[in-house]
Amino acid sequence: MAGTKTYVAKPGEVERQWWIADAEDQIVGRLASEIAVILMGKHRPTYTPHCDTGDFVVITNADKVKLSGNKWEKKSYTWYTGYTGLRSETAGARFARKPEQIMRDAVRRMLPKNRLGRKMLGKLKIYAGPDHPHQAQNPQPLVTTTN
């Protein structure tokens, strides 16, 4: 039985890259799905499900994203505060208050719901404007299929 061995990545041997994505005129869900793949590391041939093999992603111009249809009025975000009942707000209200939160929630809901998913979300940096403090990491432009 002389076959090839399956490669399993270990946390210390992953080389992380930095990517930058411009969210201007991009649809939220389509951009979020491509970013979630990069944060998980599924774009690499060395992807290992139990190890964080993903890269860092910087999103700029998060205040210029689009939602299709009439989701600005119809889509609602709900959360539990600890008191009776749920709090709720529309996507338009959340966008006016915190535009970065729309992208963060979209990506967060596409990641695993465990410790590893929270670690992956920590590699996501979102900024409302075109400026970001990560020039020293030399982020490469992310070419999305929706461009």
Protein backbone atom coordinates (compact mmCIF):
# COMPACT_ATOMS: atom_id res chain seq x y z
CA MET A 1 0.00 0.00 0.00
CA ALA A 2 2.20 2.78 -1.31
CA GLY A 3 -0.07 5.79 -1.72
CA THR A 4 0.33 9.44 -1.15
CA LYS A 5 -0.18 10.77 2.34
CA THR A 6 -2.82 13.34 3.16
CA TYR A 7 -1.39 16.71 4.12
CA VAL A 8 -2.66 18.13 7.43
CA ALA A 9 -1.80 21.74 8.23
CA LYS A 10 -0.58 22.65 11.68
CA PRO A 11 -1.33 26.07 13.22
CA GLY A 12 2.29 27.27 13.33
CA GLU A 13 3.22 26.50 9.73
CA VAL A 14 0.57 28.54 7.90
CA GLU A 15 1.91 31.47 5.86
CA ARG A 16 -0.74 34.20 6.03
CA GLN A 17 -1.26 36.74 3.27
CA TRP A 18 -3.08 40.07 3.39
CA TRP A 19 -5.79 40.88 0.85
CA ILE A 20 -7.61 44.17 0.29
CA ALA A 21 -11.12 44.31 -1.16
CA ASP A 22 -12.85 47.47 -2.34
CA ALA A 23 -16.56 47.16 -1.46
CA GLU A 24 -17.67 50.13 -3.56
CA ASP A 25 -20.75 49.20 -5.65
CA GLN A 26 -20.49 45.53 -4.59
CA ILE A 27 -23.47 43.48 -3.47
CA VAL A 28 -23.07 42.59 0.20
CA GLY A 29 -23.81 38.84 0.07
CA ARG A 30 -21.75 38.09 -3.01
CA LEU A 31 -18.70 39.88 -1.64
CA ALA A 32 -19.16 38.33 1.81
CA SER A 33 -19.21 34.78 0.44
CA GLU A 34 -15.89 35.28 -1.36
CA ILE A 35 -14.32 36.85 1.72
CA ALA A 36 -15.56 34.03 3.96
CA VAL A 37 -13.80 31.49 1.73
CA ILE A 38 -10.52 33.39 2.10
CA LEU A 39 -10.88 33.78 5.88
CA MET A 40 -11.48 30.03 6.23
CA GLY A 41 -8.58 29.15 3.92
CA LYS A 42 -10.66 27.16 1.44
CA HIS A 43 -8.89 28.90 -1.44
CA ARG A 44 -5.67 27.02 -0.55
CA PRO A 45 -4.82 23.44 -1.46
CA THR A 46 -3.60 23.00 2.14
CA TYR A 47 -7.06 23.67 3.65
CA THR A 48 -7.58 21.75 6.89
CA PRO A 49 -11.02 21.96 8.54
CA HIS A 50 -9.82 21.87 12.15
CA CYS A 51 -7.04 24.45 11.66
CA ASP A 52 -7.25 28.13 10.76
CA THR A 53 -5.49 28.24 7.37
CA GLY A 54 -7.07 31.49 6.17
CA ASP A 55 -5.64 34.88 5.29
CA PHE A 56 -6.26 38.42 6.52
CA VAL A 57 -8.77 40.54 4.58
CA VAL A 58 -9.11 44.34 4.65
CA ILE A 59 -12.38 45.77 3.32
CA THR A 60 -12.46 49.45 2.36
CA ASN A 61 -15.40 51.63 1.31
CA ALA A 62 -17.86 49.59 3.35
CA ASP A 63 -20.14 52.62 3.35
CA LYS A 64 -20.70 52.23 -0.42
CA VAL A 65 -22.01 48.64 -0.57
CA LYS A 66 -25.33 47.74 -2.17
CA LEU A 67 -28.19 45.46 -1.25
CA SER A 68 -30.35 44.14 -4.06
CA GLY A 69 -34.09 44.69 -4.22
CA ASN A 70 -35.74 46.55 -1.37
CA LYS A 71 -33.67 44.93 1.37
CA TRP A 72 -32.72 48.30 2.90
CA GLU A 73 -36.33 48.52 4.21
CA LYS A 74 -37.36 44.84 4.41
CA LYS A 75 -34.28 43.12 5.87
CA SER A 76 -34.17 43.25 9.65
CA TYR A 77 -31.51 42.35 12.19
CA THR A 78 -32.69 41.05 15.58
CA TRP A 79 -30.75 40.38 18.76
CA TYR A 80 -31.41 39.46 22.34
CA THR A 81 -30.53 41.98 25.05
CA GLY A 82 -31.12 39.91 28.18
CA TYR A 83 -34.51 41.51 28.80
CA THR A 84 -37.88 40.21 27.63
CA GLY A 85 -38.38 40.53 23.90
CA LEU A 86 -35.98 41.06 21.04
CA ARG A 87 -34.45 44.26 19.69
CA SER A 88 -34.75 44.78 15.97
CA GLU A 89 -33.68 47.28 13.32
CA THR A 90 -33.81 47.43 9.54
CA ALA A 91 -30.74 47.19 7.34
CA GLY A 92 -31.10 50.87 6.43
CA ALA A 93 -31.09 51.95 10.08
CA ARG A 94 -28.06 49.79 10.88
CA PHE A 95 -26.24 51.09 7.79
CA ALA A 96 -26.87 54.70 8.85
CA ARG A 97 -25.63 53.98 12.38
CA LYS A 98 -22.66 51.66 11.64
CA PRO A 99 -21.99 50.89 7.95
CA GLU A 100 -19.17 48.42 8.72
CA GLN A 101 -21.55 46.22 10.73
CA ILE A 102 -23.54 45.22 7.62
CA MET A 103 -20.46 43.60 6.05
CA ARG A 104 -19.22 42.11 9.34
CA ASP A 105 -22.57 40.40 10.02
CA ALA A 106 -22.79 39.06 6.47
CA VAL A 107 -19.31 37.50 6.68
CA ARG A 108 -19.76 36.31 10.28
CA ARG A 109 -22.86 34.33 9.39
CA MET A 110 -20.96 32.49 6.65
CA LEU A 111 -18.16 31.33 8.97
CA PRO A 112 -18.24 28.32 11.32
CA LYS A 113 -20.20 28.93 14.52
CA ASN A 114 -17.46 27.96 17.00
CA ARG A 115 -14.14 29.16 18.46
CA LEU A 116 -12.39 28.70 15.15
CA GLY A 117 -14.98 30.87 13.40
CA ARG A 118 -14.48 33.65 15.94
CA LYS A 119 -10.72 33.45 15.37
CA MET A 120 -11.28 33.68 11.62
CA LEU A 121 -13.50 36.74 12.05
CA GLY A 122 -10.65 38.42 13.94
CA LYS A 123 -8.66 38.44 10.68
CA LEU A 124 -11.31 40.63 9.01
CA LYS A 125 -10.65 44.38 9.08
CA ILE A 126 -13.46 46.64 7.82
CA TYR A 127 -13.28 50.41 7.20
CA ALA A 128 -16.04 52.74 6.03
CA GLY A 129 -13.78 54.96 3.94
CA PRO A 130 -10.94 54.30 1.49
CA ASP A 131 -8.17 54.68 4.12
CA HIS A 132 -6.83 51.88 6.32
CA PRO A 133 -3.82 51.50 8.66
CA HIS A 134 -2.55 48.23 7.13
CA GLN A 135 -0.22 49.58 4.42
CA ALA A 136 2.80 48.04 6.18
CA GLN A 137 1.40 44.54 5.59
CA ASN A 138 1.41 45.21 1.82
CA PRO A 139 -2.07 43.84 1.10
CA GLN A 140 -2.65 42.46 -2.39
CA PRO A 141 -5.81 43.53 -4.25
CA LEU A 142 -8.51 40.86 -4.07
CA VAL A 143 -9.93 40.08 -7.50
CA THR A 144 -13.53 39.01 -6.97
CA THR A 145 -15.74 37.35 -9.54
CA THR A 146 -18.34 40.07 -9.06
CA ASN A 147 -16.02 42.84 -10.34
